[in-house]
Amino acid sequence: MQRTEKYFEPDAFRTQCESVILAAEPDEKTGGGRIALDGTVFYPEGGGQPCDFGVLGGARVTDVQEKDGIIFHLCSAPLEVGSCVHGTIDWDRRLMHMREHSGEHIISGIICHTHGYSNIGFHMGKDCVTIDFSGPLTAERIQEAEDLANQKVLENIESLDRSVFNVQCNSCDEFISEEDEYCPCCGDKLPEEIFKERGLTDLAVFCEEAIEAMGLNPVLARVGYEGWKFYKGSSEIRMFVYDRSYLFATSPLNILPKKNLEPVLTYLLQTEIAPYRFGLDGNQIYLSYRVHISDIFSDYSENVKTNLTHLAFKADDLDNYLVDTFGCEFSEYANKNAI
């Protein structure tokens, strides 16, 4: 079987892919299977970093492992060999792992420089990250290293030359302005064509105009090449391209109440909120808007742009309404500072 193309190496911010299933082995424990693809955005467990989770062909991906260059995805449902499937990673999980891994490199470098201790073990857990060093460290020394790490990060950002094109190392987060094969800070090999500048597509320009109309900076909302994630009030808004054909805008509004479900389910089923739709994934309530990409470049383009902008305001109103009226809980993705 051919090796899996790793889409996450040239672009660590890519969150979606269209892939062909090359192999599928049934898994009796989960009722799903181990899926091998021609290419993937799912990072496998390795190097001290946990794997990505997400959705592949409508099935949940709960584990990703690599063996002999082939990446296997453990899915919650069986998928058919030869079919083309859409995959989306859990970006919040990936971003947290990237930040934690980068922080580990910075802390390890500081400890090595100030105390001469080597990093001999590294573990990224669900609730904490642990690093094992070759010598003893007091709580005071650990705090000093943390303070120095924060200082270096701020210095790096403040001294960044914004008049030139910079890329950021996936391993240590160093900003690099001169083209090179390896990071001059940590020595990690840089992805091919990482220094190639790419302009915004017409679709991206359109979406960012809609985001700007919400009173937000679209640059800060970018997640990958044609994806955006941001907050409007307490609601998280996600915009992305699906199946190379549709533009989706969606917001995870609330969690269903633990009892007395009938009133809120009746509301979700019977309330007319066109052009938007309510959806449920488990106990998570979503507000979504879908449009074919061809409509963005038609006579309906301004209506589409207005609908995208208004979805953010609608979501910000609805999550509070569902809490106050039906006793729903705010989603785990909500902006806690705006509740």
Protein backbone atom coordinates (compact mmCIF):
# COMPACT_ATOMS: atom_id res chain seq x y z
CA MET A 1 0.00 0.00 0.00
CA GLN A 2 1.24 3.50 -0.78
CA ARG A 3 2.43 5.80 2.00
CA THR A 4 -0.03 8.39 3.26
CA GLU A 5 0.56 11.92 2.01
CA LYS A 6 0.80 14.19 5.07
CA TYR A 7 -1.10 17.37 4.27
CA PHE A 8 -0.31 18.75 7.75
CA GLU A 9 3.43 18.98 7.04
CA PRO A 10 3.39 21.76 4.43
CA ASP A 11 0.42 23.48 6.13
CA ALA A 12 -0.10 22.90 9.86
CA PHE A 13 -3.14 25.20 9.74
CA ARG A 14 -5.02 23.14 7.16
CA THR A 15 -8.11 21.63 8.78
CA GLN A 16 -9.91 19.76 5.97
CA CYS A 17 -9.20 17.36 3.13
CA GLU A 18 -10.82 15.29 0.40
CA SER A 19 -9.29 11.80 0.41
CA VAL A 20 -9.72 8.37 -1.13
CA ILE A 21 -10.00 5.33 1.16
CA LEU A 22 -7.27 2.83 0.26
CA ALA A 23 -7.95 0.26 3.00
CA ALA A 24 -10.57 -0.38 5.70
CA GLU A 25 -10.21 -2.95 8.46
CA PRO A 26 -13.26 -3.63 10.70
CA ASP A 27 -12.87 -3.00 14.41
CA GLU A 28 -15.08 -5.21 16.57
CA LYS A 29 -14.68 -3.09 19.70
CA THR A 30 -15.99 0.13 18.15
CA GLY A 31 -18.16 -1.25 15.37
CA GLY A 32 -16.22 1.01 13.03
CA GLY A 33 -12.88 0.44 11.39
CA ARG A 34 -9.25 1.40 10.81
CA ILE A 35 -9.12 3.53 7.67
CA ALA A 36 -6.09 4.28 5.49
CA LEU A 37 -6.26 7.21 3.06
CA ASP A 38 -4.19 8.44 0.13
CA GLY A 39 -3.63 11.68 2.05
CA THR A 40 -4.74 13.18 5.37
CA VAL A 41 -4.84 16.28 7.55
CA PHE A 42 -5.04 14.11 10.69
CA TYR A 43 -1.81 14.18 12.70
CA PRO A 44 -0.94 10.73 14.11
CA GLU A 45 0.22 10.20 17.68
CA GLY A 46 3.98 10.60 17.88
CA GLY A 47 6.87 12.67 19.16
CA GLY A 48 5.13 13.17 22.49
CA GLN A 49 2.11 14.79 20.82
CA PRO A 50 -1.37 13.16 20.89
CA CYS A 51 -3.21 12.52 17.66
CA ASP A 52 -5.91 14.66 16.10
CA PHE A 53 -9.60 13.93 16.53
CA GLY A 54 -12.32 14.93 14.10
CA VAL A 55 -14.79 13.63 11.53
CA LEU A 56 -14.11 11.53 8.43
CA GLY A 57 -16.91 10.69 6.02
CA GLY A 58 -19.49 11.36 8.75
CA ALA A 59 -17.75 9.03 11.24
CA ARG A 60 -15.92 10.25 14.33
CA VAL A 61 -12.15 9.79 14.32
CA THR A 62 -11.05 8.74 17.82
CA ASP A 63 -7.47 7.60 17.23
CA VAL A 64 -4.79 8.10 14.55
CA GLN A 65 -1.63 5.98 14.33
CA GLU A 66 1.21 5.69 11.83
CA LYS A 67 2.95 2.45 10.84
CA ASP A 68 5.55 2.13 8.08
CA GLY A 69 4.50 5.47 6.60
CA ILE A 70 0.80 4.58 6.47
CA ILE A 71 -1.56 6.55 8.70
CA PHE A 72 -4.56 4.66 10.09
CA HIS A 73 -7.69 6.44 11.34
CA LEU A 74 -9.87 4.65 13.90
CA CYS A 75 -13.44 5.60 12.97
CA SER A 76 -16.74 5.11 14.78
CA ALA A 77 -18.48 3.71 11.70
CA PRO A 78 -17.41 1.54 8.74
CA LEU A 79 -16.38 3.28 5.52
CA GLU A 80 -16.12 1.81 2.02
CA VAL A 81 -12.80 1.21 0.26
CA GLY A 82 -12.45 3.30 -2.89
CA SER A 83 -14.87 6.01 -1.81
CA CYS A 84 -13.91 9.67 -1.57
CA VAL A 85 -14.51 11.14 1.88
CA HIS A 86 -14.29 14.56 3.48
CA GLY A 87 -12.22 14.90 6.65
CA THR A 88 -12.21 17.71 9.22
CA ILE A 89 -10.00 17.83 12.30
CA ASP A 90 -10.93 19.19 15.73
CA TRP A 91 -9.02 22.45 15.33
CA ASP A 92 -9.27 23.46 18.99
CA ARG A 93 -7.51 20.24 19.99
CA ARG A 94 -4.83 20.60 17.29
CA LEU A 95 -4.11 24.25 18.15
CA MET A 96 -3.78 23.45 21.84
CA HIS A 97 -1.32 20.66 21.06
CA MET A 98 0.70 22.95 18.79
CA ARG A 99 0.92 25.60 21.50
CA GLU A 100 1.82 23.08 24.18
CA HIS A 101 4.47 21.46 22.01
CA SER A 102 5.98 24.84 21.14
CA GLY A 103 5.99 25.83 24.81
CA GLU A 104 7.81 22.59 25.66
CA HIS A 105 10.58 23.44 23.19
CA ILE A 106 10.98 26.95 24.61
CA ILE A 107 11.01 25.84 28.26
CA SER A 108 13.43 23.00 27.49
CA GLY A 109 15.81 25.38 25.73
CA ILE A 110 15.76 27.80 28.65
CA ILE A 111 16.35 25.05 31.26
CA CYS A 112 19.22 23.66 29.18
CA HIS A 113 20.79 27.11 28.79
CA THR A 114 20.41 28.25 32.41
CA HIS A 115 20.92 24.98 34.31
CA GLY A 116 22.48 22.56 31.82
CA TYR A 117 19.70 19.97 32.19
CA SER A 118 18.44 17.97 29.22
CA ASN A 119 14.86 17.11 28.37
CA ILE A 120 14.64 13.33 28.87
CA GLY A 121 10.86 12.89 28.73
CA PHE A 122 7.78 14.73 27.52
CA HIS A 123 4.06 13.96 27.86
CA MET A 124 1.02 15.93 26.71
CA GLY A 125 -1.99 14.85 28.76
CA LYS A 126 -5.62 15.91 28.69
CA ASP A 127 -5.25 18.31 31.63
CA CYS A 128 -1.51 19.04 31.83
CA VAL A 129 1.86 18.79 30.10
CA THR A 130 4.82 17.22 31.89
CA ILE A 131 8.54 17.49 31.07
CA ASP A 132 11.23 15.33 32.65
CA PHE A 133 14.69 16.88 33.07
CA SER A 134 18.04 15.30 33.86
CA GLY A 135 18.43 17.27 37.09
CA PRO A 136 16.40 18.66 40.03
CA LEU A 137 14.44 21.90 39.75
CA THR A 138 12.86 23.86 42.59
CA ALA A 139 9.50 25.58 42.25
CA GLU A 140 11.35 28.91 42.18
CA ARG A 141 13.56 27.83 39.27
CA ILE A 142 10.56 26.55 37.34
CA GLN A 143 8.76 29.88 37.81
CA GLU A 144 11.88 31.75 36.66
CA ALA A 145 12.00 29.62 33.50
CA GLU A 146 8.30 30.25 32.83
CA ASP A 147 8.72 34.02 33.27
CA LEU A 148 11.73 34.04 30.94
CA ALA A 149 9.84 31.99 28.33
CA ASN A 150 6.95 34.49 28.33
CA GLN A 151 9.44 37.36 28.07
CA LYS A 152 11.18 35.80 25.06
CA VAL A 153 7.88 35.19 23.27
CA LEU A 154 6.86 38.85 23.74
CA GLU A 155 10.28 40.08 22.63
CA ASN A 156 10.06 37.92 19.52
CA ILE A 157 6.66 39.36 18.58
CA GLU A 158 7.61 42.97 19.32
CA SER A 159 10.86 42.76 17.33
CA LEU A 160 9.20 41.14 14.31
CA ASP A 161 9.90 43.01 11.08
CA ARG A 162 6.41 43.38 9.66
CA SER A 163 7.66 44.97 6.45
CA VAL A 164 8.88 41.57 5.15
CA PHE A 165 7.24 38.19 4.65
CA ASN A 166 7.64 35.89 7.68
CA VAL A 167 6.85 32.23 8.21
CA GLN A 168 6.52 30.54 11.60
CA CYS A 169 8.25 27.29 12.51
CA ASN A 170 5.76 24.57 13.49
CA SER A 171 8.21 23.19 16.05
CA CYS A 172 9.41 26.21 18.06
CA ASP A 173 7.18 29.07 16.75
CA GLU A 174 10.21 31.08 15.64
CA PHE A 175 9.45 33.69 12.95
CA ILE A 176 11.74 33.28 9.92
CA SER A 177 12.12 35.97 7.25
CA GLU A 178 14.99 34.52 5.17
CA GLU A 179 14.30 31.44 3.07
CA ASP A 180 15.95 28.34 4.48
CA GLU A 181 15.53 24.57 4.48
CA TYR A 182 15.81 24.30 8.27
CA CYS A 183 14.67 26.50 11.17
CA PRO A 184 17.70 28.55 12.33
CA CYS A 185 16.39 28.40 15.91
CA CYS A 186 15.60 24.71 16.55
CA GLY A 187 16.98 23.01 13.43
CA ASP A 188 13.65 21.43 12.50
CA LYS A 189 13.17 20.80 8.77
CA LEU A 190 10.75 23.33 7.27
CA PRO A 191 7.90 22.24 4.98
CA GLU A 192 8.48 22.54 1.25
CA GLU A 193 7.22 25.73 -0.40
CA ILE A 194 6.53 27.29 3.01
CA PHE A 195 8.06 30.56 1.78
CA LYS A 196 5.76 30.67 -1.22
CA GLU A 197 3.40 33.61 -0.74
CA ARG A 198 -0.25 32.98 -1.59
CA GLY A 199 -2.81 35.68 -2.16
CA LEU A 200 -6.43 35.52 -1.11
CA THR A 201 -8.83 33.71 -3.41
CA ASP A 202 -11.98 35.47 -4.61
CA LEU A 203 -13.94 33.28 -2.19
CA ALA A 204 -11.72 34.30 0.73
CA VAL A 205 -12.09 37.99 -0.16
CA PHE A 206 -15.87 37.57 -0.22
CA CYS A 207 -15.97 35.83 3.18
CA GLU A 208 -13.65 38.34 4.79
CA GLU A 209 -15.83 41.21 3.60
CA ALA A 210 -18.76 39.53 5.40
CA ILE A 211 -16.68 39.11 8.57
CA GLU A 212 -15.53 42.72 8.42
CA ALA A 213 -19.19 43.78 8.22
CA MET A 214 -19.63 42.14 11.64
CA GLY A 215 -17.16 44.66 13.06
CA LEU A 216 -14.33 42.12 13.28
CA ASN A 217 -10.83 41.89 11.86
CA PRO A 218 -10.97 38.97 9.38
CA VAL A 219 -7.20 38.49 9.43
CA LEU A 220 -7.37 37.46 13.09
CA ALA A 221 -10.16 35.00 12.28
CA ARG A 222 -8.23 33.00 9.69
CA VAL A 223 -7.85 29.26 10.29
CA GLY A 224 -5.98 27.80 7.35
CA TYR A 225 -6.32 28.93 3.75
CA GLU A 226 -10.11 29.15 3.33
CA GLY A 227 -11.42 28.78 6.87
CA TRP A 228 -12.31 31.21 9.65
CA LYS A 229 -13.24 30.94 13.31
CA PHE A 230 -14.11 33.80 15.64
CA TYR A 231 -16.47 35.00 18.35
CA LYS A 232 -19.40 37.35 18.01
CA GLY A 233 -20.48 38.09 21.54
CA SER A 234 -20.67 34.77 23.35
CA SER A 235 -21.09 32.65 20.20
CA GLU A 236 -18.34 30.92 18.27
CA ILE A 237 -18.73 31.22 14.49
CA ARG A 238 -17.06 28.89 12.01
CA MET A 239 -16.87 29.41 8.24
CA PHE A 240 -15.35 26.82 5.91
CA VAL A 241 -15.59 25.20 2.49
CA TYR A 242 -17.07 21.69 2.36
CA ASP A 243 -16.60 19.14 -0.42
CA ARG A 244 -15.14 21.90 -2.65
CA SER A 245 -18.72 22.88 -3.45
CA TYR A 246 -20.38 24.49 -0.44
CA LEU A 247 -19.61 27.31 1.93
CA PHE A 248 -20.78 26.61 5.47
CA ALA A 249 -21.24 29.05 8.33
CA THR A 250 -22.18 27.43 11.61
CA SER A 251 -22.29 28.20 15.31
CA PRO A 252 -22.41 25.70 18.20
CA LEU A 253 -25.09 27.46 20.23
CA ASN A 254 -26.03 25.49 23.34
CA ILE A 255 -26.20 22.13 25.06
CA LEU A 256 -29.64 20.56 25.49
CA PRO A 257 -31.02 20.69 29.05
CA LYS A 258 -30.70 17.51 31.09
CA LYS A 259 -34.47 17.27 31.60
CA ASN A 260 -37.74 18.59 30.14
CA LEU A 261 -36.51 18.29 26.56
CA GLU A 262 -39.86 18.46 24.76
CA PRO A 263 -40.28 22.29 24.76
CA VAL A 264 -36.84 23.03 23.34
CA LEU A 265 -37.02 20.21 20.76
CA THR A 266 -40.43 21.46 19.64
CA TYR A 267 -38.98 24.95 19.26
CA LEU A 268 -36.04 23.69 17.20
CA LEU A 269 -38.31 21.66 14.90
CA GLN A 270 -41.09 24.17 14.39
CA THR A 271 -39.40 27.58 14.45
CA GLU A 272 -38.84 29.12 11.01
CA ILE A 273 -35.44 30.82 10.88
CA ALA A 274 -34.75 30.75 7.12
CA PRO A 275 -32.26 31.05 5.53
CA TYR A 276 -30.67 29.37 8.58
CA ARG A 277 -31.30 25.95 10.08
CA PHE A 278 -31.08 24.39 13.51
CA GLY A 279 -29.20 21.12 13.85
CA LEU A 280 -28.31 18.63 16.58
CA ASP A 281 -25.14 16.61 17.02
CA GLY A 282 -25.65 14.55 20.17
CA ASN A 283 -26.75 17.14 22.72
CA GLN A 284 -25.09 20.07 20.92
CA ILE A 285 -27.42 22.56 19.19
CA TYR A 286 -26.10 24.22 16.02
CA LEU A 287 -27.23 27.15 13.91
CA SER A 288 -26.05 26.74 10.31
CA TYR A 289 -26.14 28.35 6.90
CA ARG A 290 -25.09 26.59 3.69
CA VAL A 291 -24.73 28.02 0.22
CA HIS A 292 -23.33 26.64 -3.01
CA ILE A 293 -20.13 28.39 -3.99
CA SER A 294 -21.57 29.25 -7.41
CA ASP A 295 -24.13 31.49 -5.66
CA ILE A 296 -21.32 33.63 -4.29
CA PHE A 297 -20.44 34.67 -7.84
CA SER A 298 -24.01 35.16 -9.03
CA ASP A 299 -26.63 37.90 -8.81
CA TYR A 300 -27.41 36.63 -5.27
CA SER A 301 -23.93 37.42 -3.94
CA GLU A 302 -24.94 40.43 -1.86
CA ASN A 303 -27.80 38.48 -0.27
CA VAL A 304 -25.37 35.68 0.60
CA LYS A 305 -22.92 38.13 2.14
CA THR A 306 -25.70 39.71 4.21
CA ASN A 307 -26.88 36.28 5.39
CA LEU A 308 -23.35 35.37 6.50
CA THR A 309 -23.03 38.58 8.48
CA HIS A 310 -26.46 38.27 10.08
CA LEU A 311 -25.83 34.67 11.16
CA ALA A 312 -23.27 35.89 13.70
CA PHE A 313 -25.72 38.35 15.25
CA LYS A 314 -28.51 35.74 15.19
CA ALA A 315 -26.33 33.21 16.99
CA ASP A 316 -25.36 35.72 19.66
CA ASP A 317 -29.04 36.37 20.38
CA LEU A 318 -30.20 32.75 20.21
CA ASP A 319 -27.76 31.23 22.68
CA ASN A 320 -28.96 33.59 25.40
CA TYR A 321 -32.61 33.00 24.44
CA LEU A 322 -32.23 29.21 24.69
CA VAL A 323 -30.62 29.52 28.12
CA ASP A 324 -33.26 31.89 29.47
CA THR A 325 -36.30 30.18 27.92
CA PHE A 326 -35.53 26.47 28.00
CA GLY A 327 -32.77 26.09 30.57
CA CYS A 328 -30.14 25.08 28.00
CA GLU A 329 -26.47 25.36 28.90
CA PHE A 330 -23.96 27.44 26.97
CA SER A 331 -21.81 25.39 24.63
CA GLU A 332 -18.29 24.43 25.68
CA TYR A 333 -17.17 26.49 22.66
CA ALA A 334 -18.83 29.69 23.89
CA ASN A 335 -16.80 32.76 24.77
CA LYS A 336 -16.90 32.52 28.56
CA ASN A 337 -15.85 36.15 28.93
CA ALA A 338 -19.00 37.32 27.10
CA ILE A 339 -21.57 35.21 28.95
